[in-house]
Amino acid sequence: MAEVKYVSKVKLEPVKGKVRRAYVPGEEEPVLFGVHSEVAEHYGVEPGDEEAHSSTLDYVVAAAGG
């Protein structure tokens, strides 16, 4: 088995509802994740019930280069 080269150290904190605060390496400030538009609808979150934030899916797509 290959030697482990990197272990990501991420800390997540629930904020409210679907909103989470993530402390990720390379960023001085935490990143907020949540739901918006069709993602919120999928999870049954009514418009205006929660502050909209990018979803984790948005970040995965961005990380993969769009």
C-alpha atoms as a PDB file:
ATOM      1  CA  MET A   1       0.000   0.000   0.000  1.00  0.00           C
ATOM      2  CA  ALA A   2       1.256   3.520  -0.843  1.00  0.00           C
ATOM      3  CA  GLU A   3       2.253   5.987   1.837  1.00  0.00           C
ATOM      4  CA  VAL A   4      -0.383   8.588   2.717  1.00  0.00           C
ATOM      5  CA  LYS A   5       0.774  11.960   1.326  1.00  0.00           C
ATOM      6  CA  TYR A   6      -1.966  14.266   2.551  1.00  0.00           C
ATOM      7  CA  VAL A   7      -4.823  14.268   5.037  1.00  0.00           C
ATOM      8  CA  SER A   8      -7.249  17.155   4.707  1.00  0.00           C
ATOM      9  CA  LYS A   9      -8.059  18.817   8.016  1.00  0.00           C
ATOM     10  CA  VAL A  10     -11.514  20.320   7.665  1.00  0.00           C
ATOM     11  CA  LYS A  11     -13.745  21.354  10.539  1.00  0.00           C
ATOM     12  CA  LEU A  12     -17.519  21.691  10.043  1.00  0.00           C
ATOM     13  CA  GLU A  13     -19.975  23.463  12.311  1.00  0.00           C
ATOM     14  CA  PRO A  14     -23.743  23.518  11.917  1.00  0.00           C
ATOM     15  CA  VAL A  15     -25.131  27.061  11.749  1.00  0.00           C
ATOM     16  CA  LYS A  16     -28.881  26.817  11.110  1.00  0.00           C
ATOM     17  CA  GLY A  17     -30.954  24.460   9.009  1.00  0.00           C
ATOM     18  CA  LYS A  18     -28.900  23.385   6.003  1.00  0.00           C
ATOM     19  CA  VAL A  19     -26.228  26.070   6.555  1.00  0.00           C
ATOM     20  CA  ARG A  20     -22.802  24.882   7.714  1.00  0.00           C
ATOM     21  CA  ARG A  21     -19.566  26.702   8.424  1.00  0.00           C
ATOM     22  CA  ALA A  22     -16.457  24.996   7.079  1.00  0.00           C
ATOM     23  CA  TYR A  23     -12.904  25.742   8.109  1.00  0.00           C
ATOM     24  CA  VAL A  24     -10.751  24.608   5.208  1.00  0.00           C
ATOM     25  CA  PRO A  25      -6.993  24.663   4.674  1.00  0.00           C
ATOM     26  CA  GLY A  26      -5.730  27.629   2.692  1.00  0.00           C
ATOM     27  CA  GLU A  27      -8.541  29.974   3.747  1.00  0.00           C
ATOM     28  CA  GLU A  28      -8.246  32.389   6.642  1.00  0.00           C
ATOM     29  CA  GLU A  29     -12.010  32.808   6.984  1.00  0.00           C
ATOM     30  CA  PRO A  30     -14.561  30.001   7.192  1.00  0.00           C
ATOM     31  CA  VAL A  31     -16.659  29.151   4.138  1.00  0.00           C
ATOM     32  CA  LEU A  32     -20.448  28.924   4.420  1.00  0.00           C
ATOM     33  CA  PHE A  33     -22.234  26.074   2.667  1.00  0.00           C
ATOM     34  CA  GLY A  34     -25.974  25.761   2.325  1.00  0.00           C
ATOM     35  CA  VAL A  35     -28.641  25.430  -0.313  1.00  0.00           C
ATOM     36  CA  HIS A  36     -30.168  27.694  -2.963  1.00  0.00           C
ATOM     37  CA  SER A  37     -32.685  27.574  -5.803  1.00  0.00           C
ATOM     38  CA  GLU A  38     -33.267  24.048  -7.137  1.00  0.00           C
ATOM     39  CA  VAL A  39     -31.019  22.514  -4.459  1.00  0.00           C
ATOM     40  CA  ALA A  40     -33.138  24.111  -1.715  1.00  0.00           C
ATOM     41  CA  GLU A  41     -36.312  22.919  -3.435  1.00  0.00           C
ATOM     42  CA  HIS A  42     -34.909  19.367  -3.621  1.00  0.00           C
ATOM     43  CA  TYR A  43     -34.331  19.393   0.146  1.00  0.00           C
ATOM     44  CA  GLY A  44     -37.751  20.899   0.891  1.00  0.00           C
ATOM     45  CA  VAL A  45     -36.453  24.321   1.959  1.00  0.00           C
ATOM     46  CA  GLU A  46     -38.977  27.027   1.120  1.00  0.00           C
ATOM     47  CA  PRO A  47     -37.730  30.268  -0.473  1.00  0.00           C
ATOM     48  CA  GLY A  48     -36.879  32.754   2.268  1.00  0.00           C
ATOM     49  CA  ASP A  49     -36.725  30.122   5.035  1.00  0.00           C
ATOM     50  CA  GLU A  50     -32.918  30.135   5.046  1.00  0.00           C
ATOM     51  CA  GLU A  51     -30.167  32.409   3.818  1.00  0.00           C
ATOM     52  CA  ALA A  52     -28.995  31.073   0.452  1.00  0.00           C
ATOM     53  CA  HIS A  53     -25.409  29.834   0.124  1.00  0.00           C
ATOM     54  CA  SER A  54     -23.524  27.769  -2.439  1.00  0.00           C
ATOM     55  CA  SER A  55     -23.983  24.057  -1.961  1.00  0.00           C
ATOM     56  CA  THR A  56     -21.215  21.541  -1.550  1.00  0.00           C
ATOM     57  CA  LEU A  57     -22.127  20.326  -5.048  1.00  0.00           C
ATOM     58  CA  ASP A  58     -21.314  23.811  -6.413  1.00  0.00           C
ATOM     59  CA  TYR A  59     -17.865  23.604  -4.841  1.00  0.00           C
ATOM     60  CA  VAL A  60     -17.241  20.103  -6.221  1.00  0.00           C
ATOM     61  CA  VAL A  61     -18.155  21.262  -9.741  1.00  0.00           C
ATOM     62  CA  ALA A  62     -15.952  24.358  -9.389  1.00  0.00           C
ATOM     63  CA  ALA A  63     -13.068  22.239  -8.106  1.00  0.00           C
ATOM     64  CA  ALA A  64     -13.389  19.937 -11.108  1.00  0.00           C
ATOM     65  CA  GLY A  65     -13.029  22.924 -13.411  1.00  0.00           C
ATOM     66  CA  GLY A  66     -16.637  23.652 -14.231  1.00  0.00           C
END
